Amino acid sequence: MPPYLSPEWVQAFNDALAGLDLSDAVAAAGAASLTVAQGTFRVAQVVTGGPEGLAAPGAAASPDSDGATVRTVLTVEGGRLTLVEDPTGTIAANVTMVLTYDDALAIARGSLHPADALAAGRVRVRGELSVLVAGQAVLNAASAALGRTLTDLTDLTDLTDLDAPIDLDAPIDLDAPIDLTESSEHSGPAPPGE
């Protein structure tokens, strides 16, 4: 499986959506947006902190993040979806969202809801928010029509080495202390006294 948002992944995404007519989903999404109601819109995604080698030639480096920066544009036109790489930012979009590679991957896999990421400030949005919501609705319709096909494009091989041997007979020390101080992310309420 190619790495998420690599040129090969973008091609696999487009291949999976080829021939899929989402006109009904676009029409339903258009009820909340004048731009979407016209039937054609674009959502740009700028993903920072991606694996080295992921960015297309000519891509601008993001000064505020380590790793590759990738810009893709999802075009919805005539009930069809097409994703293209846009490393130089020349394709105009109705809305642009900026997020980290890890968050983009989590959203694509369904383990992070876009609204939660937005509410937590993990996604920055510039442009028509209603177009972003419509784009998500159309992608959800595509996922429903294709089953697991889109989710399978973003499987765990992007972040883990599935070829590494796993010793199922290795002992597990259930009494070993767990060090939570290494975590850079905190979720849930703060412990008492914090």
N, C-alpha and C. Protein backbone atom coordinates (compact mmCIF):
# COMPACT_ATOMS: atom_id res chain seq x y z
N MET A 1 0.85 -1.18 0.00
CA MET A 1 0.00 0.00 0.00
C MET A 1 0.89 1.24 0.00
N PRO A 2 0.67 2.16 -0.90
CA PRO A 2 1.50 3.37 -0.93
C PRO A 2 1.22 4.26 0.28
N PRO A 3 2.21 5.05 0.69
CA PRO A 3 2.00 5.96 1.83
C PRO A 3 0.88 6.96 1.52
N TYR A 4 0.11 7.27 2.56
CA TYR A 4 -0.99 8.21 2.46
C TYR A 4 -0.52 9.53 1.86
N LEU A 5 -1.23 10.01 0.87
CA LEU A 5 -1.02 11.26 0.15
C LEU A 5 0.20 11.25 -0.78
N SER A 6 0.85 10.11 -0.95
CA SER A 6 1.92 10.02 -1.95
C SER A 6 1.27 10.05 -3.34
N PRO A 7 2.05 10.34 -4.38
CA PRO A 7 1.46 10.34 -5.73
C PRO A 7 0.77 9.01 -6.06
N GLU A 8 1.33 7.90 -5.60
CA GLU A 8 0.72 6.60 -5.85
C GLU A 8 -0.60 6.45 -5.10
N TRP A 9 -0.65 7.00 -3.89
CA TRP A 9 -1.90 6.95 -3.11
C TRP A 9 -2.97 7.80 -3.78
N VAL A 10 -2.59 8.98 -4.25
CA VAL A 10 -3.55 9.86 -4.94
C VAL A 10 -4.13 9.13 -6.16
N GLN A 11 -3.26 8.44 -6.91
CA GLN A 11 -3.73 7.70 -8.08
C GLN A 11 -4.68 6.57 -7.67
N ALA A 12 -4.35 5.86 -6.59
CA ALA A 12 -5.22 4.78 -6.11
C ALA A 12 -6.57 5.33 -5.65
N PHE A 13 -6.56 6.50 -5.01
CA PHE A 13 -7.80 7.16 -4.59
C PHE A 13 -8.67 7.46 -5.80
N ASN A 14 -8.06 8.06 -6.82
CA ASN A 14 -8.82 8.39 -8.03
C ASN A 14 -9.32 7.14 -8.75
N ASP A 15 -8.50 6.09 -8.78
CA ASP A 15 -8.92 4.83 -9.40
C ASP A 15 -10.13 4.25 -8.68
N ALA A 16 -10.12 4.33 -7.34
CA ALA A 16 -11.23 3.79 -6.56
C ALA A 16 -12.53 4.55 -6.83
N LEU A 17 -12.42 5.85 -7.09
CA LEU A 17 -13.61 6.68 -7.31
C LEU A 17 -14.02 6.78 -8.77
N ALA A 18 -13.21 6.26 -9.67
CA ALA A 18 -13.51 6.36 -11.10
C ALA A 18 -14.88 5.73 -11.39
N GLY A 19 -15.68 6.47 -12.10
CA GLY A 19 -16.99 5.96 -12.50
C GLY A 19 -18.07 6.09 -11.45
N LEU A 20 -17.74 6.56 -10.26
CA LEU A 20 -18.73 6.70 -9.19
C LEU A 20 -19.44 8.04 -9.35
N ASP A 21 -20.76 7.99 -9.50
CA ASP A 21 -21.56 9.21 -9.65
C ASP A 21 -22.14 9.59 -8.30
N LEU A 22 -21.72 10.73 -7.78
CA LEU A 22 -22.17 11.20 -6.48
C LEU A 22 -23.06 12.43 -6.60
N SER A 23 -23.75 12.56 -7.72
CA SER A 23 -24.60 13.73 -7.97
C SER A 23 -25.64 13.91 -6.87
N ASP A 24 -26.24 12.82 -6.39
CA ASP A 24 -27.25 12.94 -5.33
C ASP A 24 -26.63 13.47 -4.04
N ALA A 25 -25.44 13.00 -3.71
CA ALA A 25 -24.76 13.48 -2.50
C ALA A 25 -24.39 14.94 -2.63
N VAL A 26 -23.95 15.34 -3.81
CA VAL A 26 -23.60 16.75 -4.05
C VAL A 26 -24.84 17.62 -3.93
N ALA A 27 -25.96 17.16 -4.51
CA ALA A 27 -27.20 17.92 -4.43
C ALA A 27 -27.66 18.07 -2.98
N ALA A 28 -27.57 16.99 -2.21
CA ALA A 28 -27.97 17.05 -0.79
C ALA A 28 -27.05 17.99 -0.03
N ALA A 29 -25.76 17.94 -0.29
CA ALA A 29 -24.80 18.81 0.39
C ALA A 29 -25.00 20.27 -0.02
N GLY A 30 -25.50 20.48 -1.24
CA GLY A 30 -25.71 21.82 -1.75
C GLY A 30 -26.82 22.58 -1.06
N ALA A 31 -27.66 21.88 -0.31
CA ALA A 31 -28.74 22.54 0.41
C ALA A 31 -28.22 23.51 1.45
N ALA A 32 -26.98 23.31 1.91
CA ALA A 32 -26.42 24.17 2.96
C ALA A 32 -25.38 25.15 2.43
N SER A 33 -25.15 25.17 1.12
CA SER A 33 -24.10 26.03 0.58
C SER A 33 -24.44 26.46 -0.84
N LEU A 34 -24.45 27.75 -1.08
CA LEU A 34 -24.70 28.25 -2.43
C LEU A 34 -23.61 27.81 -3.40
N THR A 35 -22.37 27.79 -2.94
CA THR A 35 -21.26 27.36 -3.80
C THR A 35 -21.43 25.91 -4.20
N VAL A 36 -21.74 25.06 -3.23
CA VAL A 36 -21.90 23.63 -3.50
C VAL A 36 -23.13 23.39 -4.38
N ALA A 37 -24.18 24.18 -4.18
CA ALA A 37 -25.40 24.02 -4.97
C ALA A 37 -25.14 24.19 -6.46
N GLN A 38 -24.07 24.91 -6.82
CA GLN A 38 -23.72 25.09 -8.23
C GLN A 38 -23.14 23.81 -8.83
N GLY A 39 -22.77 22.84 -7.98
CA GLY A 39 -22.31 21.55 -8.45
C GLY A 39 -20.81 21.40 -8.63
N THR A 40 -20.06 22.49 -8.50
CA THR A 40 -18.61 22.43 -8.66
C THR A 40 -17.96 23.18 -7.51
N PHE A 41 -17.04 22.50 -6.83
CA PHE A 41 -16.29 23.17 -5.77
C PHE A 41 -14.99 22.44 -5.54
N ARG A 42 -14.07 23.12 -4.85
CA ARG A 42 -12.75 22.56 -4.57
C ARG A 42 -12.38 22.75 -3.10
N VAL A 43 -11.81 21.69 -2.54
CA VAL A 43 -11.32 21.72 -1.16
C VAL A 43 -9.83 21.42 -1.21
N ALA A 44 -9.02 22.36 -0.74
CA ALA A 44 -7.57 22.15 -0.67
C ALA A 44 -7.21 21.67 0.72
N GLN A 45 -6.24 20.78 0.76
CA GLN A 45 -5.75 20.26 2.04
C GLN A 45 -4.23 20.42 2.05
N VAL A 46 -3.74 21.18 3.02
CA VAL A 46 -2.30 21.35 3.18
C VAL A 46 -1.92 20.55 4.42
N VAL A 47 -1.10 19.53 4.20
CA VAL A 47 -0.72 18.60 5.27
C VAL A 47 0.76 18.80 5.57
N THR A 48 1.05 19.10 6.82
CA THR A 48 2.43 19.37 7.23
C THR A 48 2.96 18.21 8.06
N GLY A 49 4.28 18.12 8.13
CA GLY A 49 4.90 17.12 8.99
C GLY A 49 4.80 15.70 8.47
N GLY A 50 4.68 15.56 7.15
CA GLY A 50 4.60 14.22 6.57
C GLY A 50 5.96 13.55 6.50
N PRO A 51 5.95 12.25 6.19
CA PRO A 51 7.22 11.53 6.07
C PRO A 51 8.11 12.16 4.99
N GLU A 52 9.41 12.10 5.21
CA GLU A 52 10.35 12.63 4.22
C GLU A 52 10.13 11.90 2.89
N GLY A 53 10.26 12.63 1.81
CA GLY A 53 10.09 12.04 0.49
C GLY A 53 8.65 12.02 0.02
N LEU A 54 7.72 12.45 0.86
CA LEU A 54 6.31 12.43 0.49
C LEU A 54 5.94 13.60 -0.43
N ALA A 55 6.54 14.75 -0.19
CA ALA A 55 6.19 15.95 -0.96
C ALA A 55 6.62 15.82 -2.40
N ALA A 56 5.77 16.32 -3.27
CA ALA A 56 6.08 16.31 -4.70
C ALA A 56 7.17 17.32 -5.01
N PRO A 57 7.92 17.12 -6.09
CA PRO A 57 8.93 18.11 -6.47
C PRO A 57 8.28 19.49 -6.66
N GLY A 58 8.94 20.50 -6.17
CA GLY A 58 8.42 21.86 -6.31
C GLY A 58 7.59 22.30 -5.13
N ALA A 59 7.32 21.40 -4.19
CA ALA A 59 6.50 21.75 -3.04
C ALA A 59 7.26 22.70 -2.13
N ALA A 60 6.54 23.66 -1.60
CA ALA A 60 7.14 24.61 -0.67
C ALA A 60 7.23 23.97 0.70
N ALA A 61 8.31 24.19 1.39
CA ALA A 61 8.47 23.66 2.74
C ALA A 61 7.70 24.54 3.71
N SER A 62 7.12 23.93 4.71
CA SER A 62 6.41 24.67 5.73
C SER A 62 7.41 25.12 6.79
N PRO A 63 7.51 26.42 7.06
CA PRO A 63 8.50 26.90 8.01
C PRO A 63 8.19 26.50 9.45
N ASP A 64 6.92 26.15 9.75
CA ASP A 64 6.55 25.86 11.14
C ASP A 64 6.39 24.38 11.43
N SER A 65 6.90 23.50 10.57
CA SER A 65 6.79 22.08 10.87
C SER A 65 7.97 21.32 10.31
N ASP A 66 8.26 20.20 10.94
CA ASP A 66 9.27 19.30 10.43
C ASP A 66 8.61 18.34 9.46
N GLY A 67 9.36 17.85 8.52
CA GLY A 67 8.82 16.87 7.58
C GLY A 67 8.28 17.52 6.33
N ALA A 68 7.72 16.67 5.49
CA ALA A 68 7.22 17.10 4.19
C ALA A 68 5.88 17.82 4.31
N THR A 69 5.65 18.76 3.42
CA THR A 69 4.37 19.43 3.31
C THR A 69 3.76 19.04 1.96
N VAL A 70 2.51 18.60 2.01
CA VAL A 70 1.81 18.16 0.81
C VAL A 70 0.53 18.97 0.66
N ARG A 71 0.27 19.45 -0.54
CA ARG A 71 -0.99 20.16 -0.82
C ARG A 71 -1.72 19.37 -1.88
N THR A 72 -2.95 18.98 -1.56
CA THR A 72 -3.81 18.31 -2.51
C THR A 72 -5.09 19.11 -2.66
N VAL A 73 -5.75 18.93 -3.79
CA VAL A 73 -7.02 19.61 -4.04
C VAL A 73 -8.03 18.57 -4.50
N LEU A 74 -9.13 18.51 -3.76
CA LEU A 74 -10.25 17.65 -4.12
C LEU A 74 -11.23 18.49 -4.92
N THR A 75 -11.48 18.08 -6.15
CA THR A 75 -12.44 18.78 -7.01
C THR A 75 -13.69 17.94 -7.13
N VAL A 76 -14.83 18.57 -6.90
CA VAL A 76 -16.12 17.93 -7.10
C VAL A 76 -16.78 18.66 -8.27
N GLU A 77 -17.05 17.90 -9.32
CA GLU A 77 -17.63 18.50 -10.51
C GLU A 77 -18.45 17.44 -11.25
N GLY A 78 -19.69 17.79 -11.58
CA GLY A 78 -20.54 16.85 -12.31
C GLY A 78 -20.78 15.55 -11.56
N GLY A 79 -20.80 15.59 -10.24
CA GLY A 79 -21.03 14.40 -9.45
C GLY A 79 -19.82 13.49 -9.31
N ARG A 80 -18.68 13.93 -9.78
CA ARG A 80 -17.44 13.14 -9.72
C ARG A 80 -16.43 13.82 -8.81
N LEU A 81 -15.59 13.00 -8.18
CA LEU A 81 -14.52 13.51 -7.32
C LEU A 81 -13.19 13.18 -7.96
N THR A 82 -12.29 14.16 -7.89
CA THR A 82 -10.92 13.96 -8.37
C THR A 82 -9.98 14.64 -7.38
N LEU A 83 -8.92 13.93 -7.04
CA LEU A 83 -7.90 14.47 -6.14
C LEU A 83 -6.62 14.64 -6.94
N VAL A 84 -6.02 15.83 -6.81
CA VAL A 84 -4.75 16.08 -7.50
C VAL A 84 -3.76 16.69 -6.52
N GLU A 85 -2.49 16.44 -6.78
CA GLU A 85 -1.44 17.11 -6.03
C GLU A 85 -1.28 18.51 -6.58
N ASP A 86 -1.06 19.46 -5.71
CA ASP A 86 -0.87 20.84 -6.11
C ASP A 86 0.28 21.44 -5.29
N PRO A 87 1.50 20.98 -5.55
CA PRO A 87 2.63 21.38 -4.69
C PRO A 87 2.93 22.87 -4.69
N THR A 88 2.56 23.58 -5.75
CA THR A 88 2.88 25.01 -5.81
C THR A 88 1.69 25.89 -5.45
N GLY A 89 0.54 25.28 -5.15
CA GLY A 89 -0.62 26.05 -4.73
C GLY A 89 -1.25 26.87 -5.83
N THR A 90 -1.20 26.40 -7.05
CA THR A 90 -1.73 27.17 -8.17
C THR A 90 -3.21 26.93 -8.44
N ILE A 91 -3.79 25.87 -7.87
CA ILE A 91 -5.20 25.58 -8.10
C ILE A 91 -6.03 26.31 -7.05
N ALA A 92 -6.94 27.17 -7.50
CA ALA A 92 -7.80 27.91 -6.59
C ALA A 92 -8.80 26.96 -5.94
N ALA A 93 -9.04 27.17 -4.65
CA ALA A 93 -9.99 26.35 -3.91
C ALA A 93 -10.97 27.24 -3.18
N ASN A 94 -12.17 26.71 -2.94
CA ASN A 94 -13.18 27.45 -2.19
C ASN A 94 -12.86 27.48 -0.70
N VAL A 95 -12.15 26.47 -0.25
CA VAL A 95 -11.77 26.38 1.15
C VAL A 95 -10.44 25.63 1.23
N THR A 96 -9.61 26.04 2.17
CA THR A 96 -8.32 25.38 2.40
C THR A 96 -8.23 25.02 3.86
N MET A 97 -7.84 23.78 4.11
CA MET A 97 -7.62 23.36 5.49
C MET A 97 -6.17 22.97 5.65
N VAL A 98 -5.60 23.30 6.82
CA VAL A 98 -4.21 23.00 7.12
C VAL A 98 -4.19 22.16 8.39
N LEU A 99 -3.48 21.03 8.33
CA LEU A 99 -3.40 20.14 9.46
C LEU A 99 -2.15 19.28 9.36
N THR A 100 -1.83 18.58 10.43
CA THR A 100 -0.64 17.73 10.42
C THR A 100 -0.94 16.43 9.69
N TYR A 101 0.13 15.77 9.26
CA TYR A 101 0.00 14.48 8.58
C TYR A 101 -0.70 13.47 9.48
N ASP A 102 -0.32 13.41 10.74
CA ASP A 102 -0.93 12.45 11.66
C ASP A 102 -2.43 12.69 11.80
N ASP A 103 -2.85 13.96 11.90
CA ASP A 103 -4.28 14.25 12.02
C ASP A 103 -5.01 13.96 10.71
N ALA A 104 -4.40 14.29 9.57
CA ALA A 104 -5.02 13.99 8.28
C ALA A 104 -5.22 12.49 8.12
N LEU A 105 -4.22 11.73 8.49
CA LEU A 105 -4.30 10.27 8.38
C LEU A 105 -5.37 9.73 9.32
N ALA A 106 -5.44 10.25 10.53
CA ALA A 106 -6.46 9.80 11.49
C ALA A 106 -7.87 10.12 10.98
N ILE A 107 -8.05 11.27 10.37
CA ILE A 107 -9.35 11.62 9.81
C ILE A 107 -9.68 10.68 8.65
N ALA A 108 -8.70 10.43 7.78
CA ALA A 108 -8.94 9.54 6.64
C ALA A 108 -9.30 8.13 7.09
N ARG A 109 -8.71 7.68 8.17
CA ARG A 109 -9.00 6.35 8.69
C ARG A 109 -10.29 6.28 9.49
N GLY A 110 -10.80 7.44 9.89
CA GLY A 110 -12.02 7.47 10.67
C GLY A 110 -11.80 7.43 12.17
N SER A 111 -10.56 7.52 12.62
CA SER A 111 -10.30 7.49 14.06
C SER A 111 -10.32 8.88 14.69
N LEU A 112 -10.41 9.92 13.87
CA LEU A 112 -10.54 11.30 14.34
C LEU A 112 -11.65 11.95 13.52
N HIS A 113 -12.67 12.43 14.20
CA HIS A 113 -13.78 13.08 13.49
C HIS A 113 -13.35 14.50 13.10
N PRO A 114 -13.61 14.91 11.86
CA PRO A 114 -13.19 16.24 11.42
C PRO A 114 -13.70 17.37 12.32
N ALA A 115 -14.94 17.27 12.79
CA ALA A 115 -15.49 18.33 13.65
C ALA A 115 -14.73 18.40 14.97
N ASP A 116 -14.33 17.26 15.51
CA ASP A 116 -13.55 17.24 16.75
C ASP A 116 -12.18 17.88 16.53
N ALA A 117 -11.56 17.57 15.40
CA ALA A 117 -10.25 18.15 15.09
C ALA A 117 -10.36 19.67 14.93
N LEU A 118 -11.43 20.12 14.29
CA LEU A 118 -11.65 21.55 14.10
C LEU A 118 -11.90 22.24 15.44
N ALA A 119 -12.75 21.63 16.26
CA ALA A 119 -13.08 22.22 17.56
C ALA A 119 -11.85 22.29 18.48
N ALA A 120 -10.95 21.32 18.34
CA ALA A 120 -9.75 21.29 19.18
C ALA A 120 -8.63 22.18 18.64
N GLY A 121 -8.86 22.83 17.51
CA GLY A 121 -7.85 23.71 16.94
C GLY A 121 -6.74 22.96 16.21
N ARG A 122 -6.98 21.70 15.89
CA ARG A 122 -5.98 20.89 15.20
C ARG A 122 -6.06 21.08 13.69
N VAL A 123 -7.10 21.77 13.23
CA VAL A 123 -7.28 22.07 11.81
C VAL A 123 -7.52 23.56 11.68
N ARG A 124 -6.78 24.20 10.78
CA ARG A 124 -7.01 25.61 10.48
C ARG A 124 -7.74 25.67 9.14
N VAL A 125 -8.75 26.53 9.06
CA VAL A 125 -9.56 26.62 7.86
C VAL A 125 -9.58 28.05 7.36
N ARG A 126 -9.43 28.19 6.05
CA ARG A 126 -9.51 29.49 5.40
C ARG A 126 -10.47 29.34 4.22
N GLY A 127 -11.50 30.15 4.17
CA GLY A 127 -12.46 30.08 3.07
C GLY A 127 -13.84 29.71 3.57
N GLU A 128 -14.62 29.08 2.71
CA GLU A 128 -16.02 28.76 3.00
C GLU A 128 -16.14 27.46 3.79
N LEU A 129 -16.44 27.59 5.06
CA LEU A 129 -16.57 26.42 5.92
C LEU A 129 -17.68 25.48 5.42
N SER A 130 -18.75 26.05 4.86
CA SER A 130 -19.84 25.21 4.35
C SER A 130 -19.37 24.30 3.22
N VAL A 131 -18.38 24.73 2.46
CA VAL A 131 -17.82 23.90 1.39
C VAL A 131 -17.02 22.75 2.00
N LEU A 132 -16.30 23.02 3.07
CA LEU A 132 -15.56 21.97 3.76
C LEU A 132 -16.52 20.90 4.29
N VAL A 133 -17.61 21.33 4.90
CA VAL A 133 -18.61 20.40 5.42
C VAL A 133 -19.23 19.60 4.28
N ALA A 134 -19.52 20.25 3.17
CA ALA A 134 -20.09 19.56 2.01
C ALA A 134 -19.10 18.55 1.43
N GLY A 135 -17.83 18.94 1.37
CA GLY A 135 -16.81 18.03 0.87
C GLY A 135 -16.73 16.77 1.72
N GLN A 136 -16.81 16.93 3.04
CA GLN A 136 -16.80 15.77 3.94
C GLN A 136 -18.03 14.91 3.71
N ALA A 137 -19.18 15.54 3.51
CA ALA A 137 -20.42 14.78 3.27
C ALA A 137 -20.32 13.97 1.97
N VAL A 138 -19.74 14.55 0.94
CA VAL A 138 -19.59 13.85 -0.34
C VAL A 138 -18.58 12.70 -0.19
N LEU A 139 -17.49 12.93 0.54
CA LEU A 139 -16.52 11.85 0.79
C LEU A 139 -17.17 10.72 1.60
N ASN A 140 -18.01 11.08 2.56
CA ASN A 140 -18.72 10.05 3.33
C ASN A 140 -19.64 9.24 2.43
N ALA A 141 -20.31 9.90 1.49
CA ALA A 141 -21.17 9.19 0.55
C ALA A 141 -20.35 8.26 -0.34
N ALA A 142 -19.18 8.73 -0.75
CA ALA A 142 -18.30 7.89 -1.56
C ALA A 142 -17.86 6.66 -0.76
N SER A 143 -17.50 6.86 0.49
CA SER A 143 -17.10 5.74 1.35
C SER A 143 -18.23 4.75 1.52
N ALA A 144 -19.44 5.26 1.72
CA ALA A 144 -20.60 4.37 1.88
C ALA A 144 -20.85 3.58 0.60
N ALA A 145 -20.69 4.21 -0.55
CA ALA A 145 -20.93 3.54 -1.83
C ALA A 145 -19.86 2.49 -2.13
N LEU A 146 -18.64 2.75 -1.68
CA LEU A 146 -17.53 1.85 -2.00
C LEU A 146 -17.22 0.84 -0.89
N GLY A 147 -17.89 0.95 0.23
CA GLY A 147 -17.56 0.06 1.34
C GLY A 147 -16.23 0.47 1.95
N ARG A 148 -15.37 -0.49 2.21
CA ARG A 148 -14.09 -0.20 2.88
C ARG A 148 -13.00 0.25 1.91
N THR A 149 -13.29 0.39 0.67
CA THR A 149 -12.26 0.68 -0.33
C THR A 149 -11.42 1.90 0.03
N LEU A 150 -12.04 3.01 0.39
CA LEU A 150 -11.27 4.22 0.70
C LEU A 150 -10.51 4.08 2.01
N THR A 151 -11.12 3.47 3.01
CA THR A 151 -10.42 3.25 4.28
C THR A 151 -9.23 2.33 4.08
N ASP A 152 -9.40 1.32 3.23
CA ASP A 152 -8.31 0.38 2.98
C ASP A 152 -7.11 1.04 2.31
N LEU A 153 -7.33 2.17 1.66
CA LEU A 153 -6.21 2.89 1.05
C LEU A 153 -5.29 3.49 2.11
N THR A 154 -5.81 3.68 3.30
CA THR A 154 -5.04 4.30 4.37
C THR A 154 -4.85 3.32 5.51
N ASP A 155 -4.39 2.13 5.20
CA ASP A 155 -4.24 1.11 6.23
C ASP A 155 -3.03 1.39 7.10
N LEU A 156 -2.81 0.56 8.08
CA LEU A 156 -1.78 0.80 9.09
C LEU A 156 -0.36 0.73 8.57
N THR A 157 -0.15 0.29 7.35
CA THR A 157 1.22 0.20 6.86
C THR A 157 1.85 1.58 6.73
N ASP A 158 1.04 2.63 6.78
CA ASP A 158 1.59 3.97 6.70
C ASP A 158 2.42 4.31 7.94
N LEU A 159 2.08 3.75 9.09
CA LEU A 159 2.74 4.14 10.33
C LEU A 159 3.48 3.01 11.02
N THR A 160 3.22 1.78 10.63
CA THR A 160 3.85 0.67 11.32
C THR A 160 4.49 -0.28 10.33
N ASP A 161 5.45 -1.03 10.80
CA ASP A 161 6.12 -2.02 9.96
C ASP A 161 5.43 -3.36 10.19
N LEU A 162 4.51 -3.71 9.30
CA LEU A 162 3.78 -4.95 9.47
C LEU A 162 4.60 -6.17 9.10
N ASP A 163 5.76 -5.97 8.50
CA ASP A 163 6.62 -7.09 8.15
C ASP A 163 7.50 -7.50 9.32
N ALA A 164 7.55 -6.70 10.36
CA ALA A 164 8.39 -7.03 11.51
C ALA A 164 7.82 -8.25 12.21
N PRO A 165 8.66 -9.18 12.60
CA PRO A 165 8.15 -10.38 13.27
C PRO A 165 7.58 -10.04 14.64
N ILE A 166 6.51 -10.71 14.99
CA ILE A 166 5.86 -10.52 16.27
C ILE A 166 5.98 -11.83 17.04
N ASP A 167 6.56 -11.77 18.21
CA ASP A 167 6.73 -12.96 19.03
C ASP A 167 5.52 -13.09 19.94
N LEU A 168 4.57 -13.94 19.54
CA LEU A 168 3.35 -14.11 20.31
C LEU A 168 3.57 -14.86 21.61
N ASP A 169 4.73 -15.51 21.74
CA ASP A 169 5.03 -16.26 22.96
C ASP A 169 5.86 -15.45 23.95
N ALA A 170 6.19 -14.23 23.61
CA ALA A 170 7.00 -13.39 24.50
C ALA A 170 6.20 -13.08 25.76
N PRO A 171 6.86 -13.16 26.93
CA PRO A 171 6.14 -12.86 28.18
C PRO A 171 5.82 -11.38 28.28
N ILE A 172 4.71 -11.09 28.90
CA ILE A 172 4.29 -9.71 29.13
C ILE A 172 4.32 -9.47 30.63
N ASP A 173 5.03 -8.44 31.06
CA ASP A 173 5.13 -8.11 32.48
C ASP A 173 3.99 -7.17 32.85
N LEU A 174 2.92 -7.74 33.39
CA LEU A 174 1.76 -6.94 33.75
C LEU A 174 1.99 -6.05 34.97
N ASP A 175 3.08 -6.33 35.72
CA ASP A 175 3.38 -5.54 36.90
C ASP A 175 4.36 -4.40 36.62
N ALA A 176 4.82 -4.31 35.38
CA ALA A 176 5.78 -3.26 35.04
C ALA A 176 5.12 -1.90 35.14
N PRO A 177 5.83 -0.91 35.71
CA PRO A 177 5.25 0.44 35.81
C PRO A 177 5.08 1.05 34.42
N ILE A 178 4.08 1.87 34.30
CA ILE A 178 3.80 2.56 33.04
C ILE A 178 4.16 4.02 33.24
N ASP A 179 5.04 4.53 32.40
CA ASP A 179 5.48 5.92 32.49
C ASP A 179 4.62 6.76 31.56
N LEU A 180 3.75 7.55 32.14
CA LEU A 180 2.86 8.41 31.35
C LEU A 180 3.44 9.79 31.10
N THR A 181 4.61 10.07 31.66
CA THR A 181 5.19 11.40 31.50
C THR A 181 5.73 11.61 30.09
N GLU A 182 5.95 10.56 29.32
CA GLU A 182 6.48 10.69 27.97
C GLU A 182 5.43 11.18 26.98
N SER A 183 4.16 11.07 27.34
CA SER A 183 3.08 11.42 26.42
C SER A 183 3.09 12.92 26.15
N SER A 184 3.06 13.27 24.87
CA SER A 184 3.02 14.69 24.51
C SER A 184 1.59 15.18 24.37
N GLU A 185 0.65 14.26 24.44
CA GLU A 185 -0.74 14.63 24.25
C GLU A 185 -1.52 14.21 25.49
N HIS A 186 -2.39 15.06 25.96
CA HIS A 186 -3.18 14.74 27.13
C HIS A 186 -4.63 14.78 26.73
N SER A 187 -5.37 13.73 27.03
CA SER A 187 -6.79 13.76 26.74
C SER A 187 -7.54 13.47 28.03
N GLY A 188 -8.71 14.00 28.12
CA GLY A 188 -9.52 13.79 29.31
C GLY A 188 -9.25 14.85 30.35
N PRO A 189 -9.95 14.73 31.47
CA PRO A 189 -9.79 15.74 32.51
C PRO A 189 -8.43 15.64 33.19
N ALA A 190 -7.97 16.74 33.71
CA ALA A 190 -6.69 16.76 34.41
C ALA A 190 -6.83 16.03 35.73
N PRO A 191 -5.76 15.31 36.14
CA PRO A 191 -5.81 14.64 37.44
C PRO A 191 -5.95 15.68 38.55
N PRO A 192 -6.50 15.26 39.70
CA PRO A 192 -6.64 16.20 40.82
C PRO A 192 -5.30 16.82 41.19
N GLY A 193 -5.33 18.10 41.49
CA GLY A 193 -4.12 18.81 41.89
C GLY A 193 -3.35 19.41 40.74
N GLU A 194 -3.82 19.19 39.50
CA GLU A 194 -3.10 19.76 38.33
C GLU A 194 -3.72 21.05 37.91
